[in-house]
Amino acid sequence: MMDIAIIRAGQMHRYYLRQVVVGDGRRPARTPLVQAQEEAEVPAGRWMGRGLSVLGLTAGDVVTEAQLRNLFGEGRHPHADEIEADQLAAGKKPAAARRAGRSGGG
């Protein structure tokens, strides 16, 4: 049997995080991604592709929940949280730090 769900704009990352990354099953609420993948016997996702170096990613590294949320859910750089924290620590204004965390980097 196949389920059909409506996915609205900006919610695709939730679909990935709740179902796809656990083998098209259903990820229990509040279950850490790594634990849900282990229980479903699904290997962790890994970064692949030629453009990874532009994003500061390395082929074969595990895709984290935060990276997936940043990139697919918010259109930000996979490491946006760290980039923004570094910018703020360097004395940048919050708006400038947010711009630095965008996928395009500015």
N, C-alpha and C. Protein backbone atom coordinates (compact mmCIF):
# COMPACT_ATOMS: atom_id res chain seq x y z
N MET A 1 0.83 -1.16 0.00
CA MET A 1 0.00 0.00 0.00
C MET A 1 0.89 1.24 0.00
N MET A 2 0.46 2.26 -0.73
CA MET A 2 1.23 3.48 -0.84
C MET A 2 0.45 4.63 -0.22
N ASP A 3 1.14 5.45 0.56
CA ASP A 3 0.51 6.64 1.13
C ASP A 3 0.75 7.82 0.19
N ILE A 4 -0.20 8.74 0.19
CA ILE A 4 -0.06 9.96 -0.58
C ILE A 4 -0.18 11.12 0.39
N ALA A 5 0.74 12.06 0.28
CA ALA A 5 0.71 13.21 1.18
C ALA A 5 0.93 14.48 0.37
N ILE A 6 0.33 15.55 0.81
CA ILE A 6 0.53 16.85 0.18
C ILE A 6 1.75 17.48 0.83
N ILE A 7 2.68 17.90 0.00
CA ILE A 7 3.88 18.56 0.50
C ILE A 7 3.85 19.99 -0.01
N ARG A 8 3.77 20.92 0.90
CA ARG A 8 3.71 22.33 0.54
C ARG A 8 5.12 22.89 0.39
N ALA A 9 5.21 24.01 -0.31
CA ALA A 9 6.49 24.68 -0.51
C ALA A 9 7.16 24.92 0.84
N GLY A 10 8.43 24.67 0.90
CA GLY A 10 9.19 24.89 2.13
C GLY A 10 9.11 23.75 3.13
N GLN A 11 8.41 22.67 2.80
CA GLN A 11 8.27 21.56 3.73
C GLN A 11 8.95 20.28 3.25
N MET A 12 9.62 20.33 2.12
CA MET A 12 10.25 19.14 1.57
C MET A 12 11.26 18.54 2.55
N HIS A 13 12.00 19.39 3.26
CA HIS A 13 12.99 18.87 4.21
C HIS A 13 12.33 18.04 5.30
N ARG A 14 11.11 18.40 5.71
CA ARG A 14 10.41 17.61 6.71
C ARG A 14 10.08 16.22 6.18
N TYR A 15 9.66 16.17 4.93
CA TYR A 15 9.38 14.88 4.29
C TYR A 15 10.65 14.02 4.28
N TYR A 16 11.77 14.62 3.89
CA TYR A 16 13.04 13.88 3.89
C TYR A 16 13.38 13.38 5.29
N LEU A 17 13.27 14.29 6.28
CA LEU A 17 13.68 13.95 7.64
C LEU A 17 12.75 12.97 8.33
N ARG A 18 11.50 12.96 7.96
CA ARG A 18 10.54 12.07 8.61
C ARG A 18 10.40 10.72 7.92
N GLN A 19 10.68 10.67 6.61
CA GLN A 19 10.42 9.44 5.90
C GLN A 19 11.57 8.95 5.03
N VAL A 20 12.08 9.76 4.14
CA VAL A 20 13.07 9.30 3.17
C VAL A 20 14.35 8.81 3.84
N VAL A 21 14.88 9.57 4.79
CA VAL A 21 16.16 9.21 5.40
C VAL A 21 16.09 7.99 6.31
N VAL A 22 14.88 7.49 6.53
CA VAL A 22 14.72 6.26 7.31
C VAL A 22 14.11 5.16 6.44
N GLY A 23 14.46 5.18 5.17
CA GLY A 23 14.06 4.11 4.26
C GLY A 23 12.60 4.13 3.89
N ASP A 24 12.03 5.32 3.75
CA ASP A 24 10.61 5.49 3.41
C ASP A 24 9.69 4.90 4.45
N GLY A 25 10.20 4.76 5.65
CA GLY A 25 9.36 4.35 6.78
C GLY A 25 8.78 5.58 7.43
N ARG A 26 8.57 5.53 8.69
CA ARG A 26 8.06 6.67 9.44
C ARG A 26 8.95 6.86 10.64
N ARG A 27 9.62 7.98 10.71
CA ARG A 27 10.51 8.28 11.82
C ARG A 27 9.69 8.69 13.04
N PRO A 28 9.85 7.99 14.15
CA PRO A 28 9.11 8.35 15.36
C PRO A 28 9.46 9.77 15.82
N ALA A 29 8.49 10.48 16.33
CA ALA A 29 8.71 11.85 16.81
C ALA A 29 9.79 11.87 17.88
N ARG A 30 10.59 12.90 17.86
CA ARG A 30 11.65 13.16 18.84
C ARG A 30 12.75 12.10 18.85
N THR A 31 12.81 11.27 17.83
CA THR A 31 13.87 10.28 17.75
C THR A 31 15.03 10.89 16.97
N PRO A 32 16.23 10.93 17.55
CA PRO A 32 17.38 11.47 16.83
C PRO A 32 17.56 10.74 15.48
N LEU A 33 17.99 11.48 14.48
CA LEU A 33 18.14 10.92 13.15
C LEU A 33 19.02 9.68 13.13
N VAL A 34 20.17 9.75 13.76
CA VAL A 34 21.10 8.61 13.76
C VAL A 34 20.44 7.37 14.36
N GLN A 35 19.73 7.55 15.46
CA GLN A 35 19.05 6.43 16.11
C GLN A 35 17.95 5.86 15.20
N ALA A 36 17.18 6.73 14.56
CA ALA A 36 16.10 6.27 13.68
C ALA A 36 16.66 5.49 12.49
N GLN A 37 17.79 5.96 11.95
CA GLN A 37 18.41 5.25 10.83
C GLN A 37 18.94 3.90 11.27
N GLU A 38 19.54 3.83 12.44
CA GLU A 38 20.03 2.55 12.95
C GLU A 38 18.89 1.57 13.17
N GLU A 39 17.80 2.04 13.76
CA GLU A 39 16.65 1.18 14.02
C GLU A 39 16.01 0.69 12.72
N ALA A 40 16.02 1.53 11.68
CA ALA A 40 15.44 1.16 10.39
C ALA A 40 16.45 0.41 9.52
N GLU A 41 17.67 0.26 10.03
CA GLU A 41 18.76 -0.39 9.29
C GLU A 41 19.02 0.30 7.95
N VAL A 42 19.01 1.64 8.01
CA VAL A 42 19.27 2.46 6.83
C VAL A 42 20.59 3.19 7.07
N PRO A 43 21.53 3.11 6.15
CA PRO A 43 22.80 3.81 6.36
C PRO A 43 22.60 5.33 6.29
N ALA A 44 23.46 6.04 6.98
CA ALA A 44 23.41 7.50 6.96
C ALA A 44 23.68 8.01 5.54
N GLY A 45 23.04 9.13 5.21
CA GLY A 45 23.30 9.76 3.91
C GLY A 45 24.70 10.34 3.89
N ARG A 46 25.29 10.37 2.72
CA ARG A 46 26.65 10.90 2.57
C ARG A 46 26.66 11.94 1.45
N TRP A 47 27.49 12.94 1.64
CA TRP A 47 27.62 13.98 0.63
C TRP A 47 28.34 13.42 -0.60
N MET A 48 27.83 13.77 -1.78
CA MET A 48 28.44 13.34 -3.04
C MET A 48 28.31 14.49 -4.04
N GLY A 49 29.20 14.53 -5.01
CA GLY A 49 29.07 15.50 -6.09
C GLY A 49 30.32 16.31 -6.31
N ARG A 50 30.37 16.95 -7.47
CA ARG A 50 31.55 17.73 -7.85
C ARG A 50 31.61 19.09 -7.18
N GLY A 51 30.47 19.65 -6.77
CA GLY A 51 30.46 20.99 -6.21
C GLY A 51 30.65 21.07 -4.71
N LEU A 52 30.96 19.97 -4.09
CA LEU A 52 31.07 19.96 -2.63
C LEU A 52 32.15 20.90 -2.09
N SER A 53 33.27 20.97 -2.79
CA SER A 53 34.37 21.79 -2.28
C SER A 53 33.98 23.27 -2.20
N VAL A 54 33.10 23.72 -3.07
CA VAL A 54 32.63 25.11 -3.04
C VAL A 54 31.88 25.38 -1.74
N LEU A 55 31.21 24.37 -1.23
CA LEU A 55 30.46 24.51 0.01
C LEU A 55 31.27 24.13 1.24
N GLY A 56 32.51 23.74 1.04
CA GLY A 56 33.34 23.33 2.17
C GLY A 56 32.98 21.96 2.70
N LEU A 57 32.36 21.14 1.84
CA LEU A 57 31.97 19.78 2.22
C LEU A 57 32.93 18.79 1.58
N THR A 58 32.98 17.61 2.15
CA THR A 58 33.86 16.57 1.64
C THR A 58 33.04 15.35 1.24
N ALA A 59 33.33 14.84 0.06
CA ALA A 59 32.63 13.64 -0.41
C ALA A 59 32.79 12.53 0.62
N GLY A 60 31.67 11.88 0.92
CA GLY A 60 31.69 10.78 1.87
C GLY A 60 31.35 11.16 3.29
N ASP A 61 31.38 12.46 3.60
CA ASP A 61 30.99 12.88 4.95
C ASP A 61 29.50 12.63 5.15
N VAL A 62 29.11 12.32 6.38
CA VAL A 62 27.71 12.07 6.71
C VAL A 62 26.93 13.38 6.66
N VAL A 63 25.74 13.33 6.08
CA VAL A 63 24.82 14.47 6.05
C VAL A 63 24.09 14.51 7.39
N THR A 64 24.21 15.62 8.10
CA THR A 64 23.55 15.74 9.39
C THR A 64 22.13 16.30 9.22
N GLU A 65 21.35 16.14 10.26
CA GLU A 65 19.99 16.67 10.25
C GLU A 65 20.00 18.19 10.09
N ALA A 66 20.91 18.86 10.78
CA ALA A 66 20.99 20.33 10.69
C ALA A 66 21.37 20.76 9.28
N GLN A 67 22.31 20.05 8.65
CA GLN A 67 22.70 20.39 7.28
C GLN A 67 21.53 20.22 6.31
N LEU A 68 20.79 19.15 6.47
CA LEU A 68 19.64 18.91 5.60
C LEU A 68 18.58 19.99 5.79
N ARG A 69 18.32 20.34 7.05
CA ARG A 69 17.35 21.40 7.35
C ARG A 69 17.81 22.74 6.76
N ASN A 70 19.08 23.07 6.97
CA ASN A 70 19.60 24.34 6.45
C ASN A 70 19.48 24.43 4.93
N LEU A 71 19.94 23.40 4.25
CA LEU A 71 19.99 23.44 2.79
C LEU A 71 18.62 23.31 2.14
N PHE A 72 17.87 22.27 2.48
CA PHE A 72 16.60 22.03 1.83
C PHE A 72 15.44 22.77 2.48
N GLY A 73 15.49 22.98 3.77
CA GLY A 73 14.39 23.62 4.47
C GLY A 73 14.44 25.12 4.47
N GLU A 74 15.64 25.67 4.50
CA GLU A 74 15.79 27.11 4.66
C GLU A 74 16.59 27.77 3.55
N GLY A 75 17.11 26.98 2.62
CA GLY A 75 17.88 27.55 1.51
C GLY A 75 19.16 28.21 1.95
N ARG A 76 19.72 27.71 3.06
CA ARG A 76 20.96 28.26 3.59
C ARG A 76 22.11 27.28 3.34
N HIS A 77 23.29 27.75 3.57
CA HIS A 77 24.49 26.92 3.46
C HIS A 77 24.35 25.76 4.45
N PRO A 78 24.82 24.56 4.10
CA PRO A 78 24.73 23.44 5.04
C PRO A 78 25.38 23.73 6.39
N HIS A 79 26.41 24.57 6.41
CA HIS A 79 27.08 24.93 7.66
C HIS A 79 26.69 26.34 8.11
N ALA A 80 25.48 26.78 7.76
CA ALA A 80 25.04 28.15 8.07
C ALA A 80 25.14 28.48 9.55
N ASP A 81 24.79 27.54 10.40
CA ASP A 81 24.82 27.80 11.84
C ASP A 81 26.23 28.18 12.30
N GLU A 82 27.22 27.42 11.84
CA GLU A 82 28.60 27.70 12.23
C GLU A 82 29.11 28.99 11.59
N ILE A 83 28.75 29.20 10.32
CA ILE A 83 29.19 30.42 9.62
C ILE A 83 28.65 31.65 10.33
N GLU A 84 27.38 31.63 10.67
CA GLU A 84 26.76 32.78 11.34
C GLU A 84 27.36 33.00 12.72
N ALA A 85 27.61 31.93 13.46
CA ALA A 85 28.22 32.07 14.79
C ALA A 85 29.62 32.67 14.68
N ASP A 86 30.39 32.23 13.69
CA ASP A 86 31.73 32.79 13.48
C ASP A 86 31.67 34.27 13.13
N GLN A 87 30.71 34.64 12.28
CA GLN A 87 30.56 36.04 11.88
C GLN A 87 30.20 36.91 13.08
N LEU A 88 29.28 36.42 13.91
CA LEU A 88 28.89 37.17 15.10
C LEU A 88 30.05 37.30 16.08
N ALA A 89 30.82 36.22 16.24
CA ALA A 89 31.98 36.25 17.13
C ALA A 89 33.04 37.23 16.63
N ALA A 90 33.08 37.43 15.30
CA ALA A 90 34.04 38.36 14.71
C ALA A 90 33.53 39.80 14.76
N GLY A 91 32.36 40.00 15.36
CA GLY A 91 31.84 41.35 15.52
C GLY A 91 30.91 41.83 14.42
N LYS A 92 30.53 40.94 13.51
CA LYS A 92 29.61 41.33 12.43
C LYS A 92 28.21 41.52 12.99
N LYS A 93 27.44 42.35 12.32
CA LYS A 93 26.05 42.57 12.71
C LYS A 93 25.23 41.35 12.33
N PRO A 94 24.12 41.09 13.07
CA PRO A 94 23.29 39.92 12.78
C PRO A 94 22.85 39.80 11.32
N ALA A 95 22.48 40.91 10.69
CA ALA A 95 22.04 40.85 9.28
C ALA A 95 23.18 40.39 8.38
N ALA A 96 24.38 40.87 8.64
CA ALA A 96 25.53 40.47 7.84
C ALA A 96 25.86 39.00 8.08
N ALA A 97 25.72 38.54 9.31
CA ALA A 97 25.97 37.14 9.64
C ALA A 97 24.97 36.24 8.92
N ARG A 98 23.69 36.66 8.89
CA ARG A 98 22.67 35.87 8.18
C ARG A 98 22.98 35.81 6.69
N ARG A 99 23.40 36.92 6.11
CA ARG A 99 23.75 36.92 4.68
C ARG A 99 24.90 35.96 4.39
N ALA A 100 25.86 35.90 5.30
CA ALA A 100 27.01 35.01 5.10
C ALA A 100 26.58 33.56 5.15
N GLY A 101 25.49 33.25 5.85
CA GLY A 101 25.01 31.88 5.96
C GLY A 101 24.10 31.44 4.84
N ARG A 102 23.81 32.31 3.91
CA ARG A 102 22.97 31.91 2.77
C ARG A 102 23.72 30.93 1.90
N SER A 103 22.98 30.15 1.11
CA SER A 103 23.61 29.17 0.22
C SER A 103 24.62 29.82 -0.72
N GLY A 104 24.31 30.99 -1.22
CA GLY A 104 25.20 31.68 -2.15
C GLY A 104 26.34 32.38 -1.44
N GLY A 105 26.29 32.47 -0.14
CA GLY A 105 27.37 33.08 0.62
C GLY A 105 27.33 34.58 0.67
N GLY A 106 26.25 35.21 0.28
CA GLY A 106 26.21 36.64 0.40
C GLY A 106 25.16 37.19 -0.42
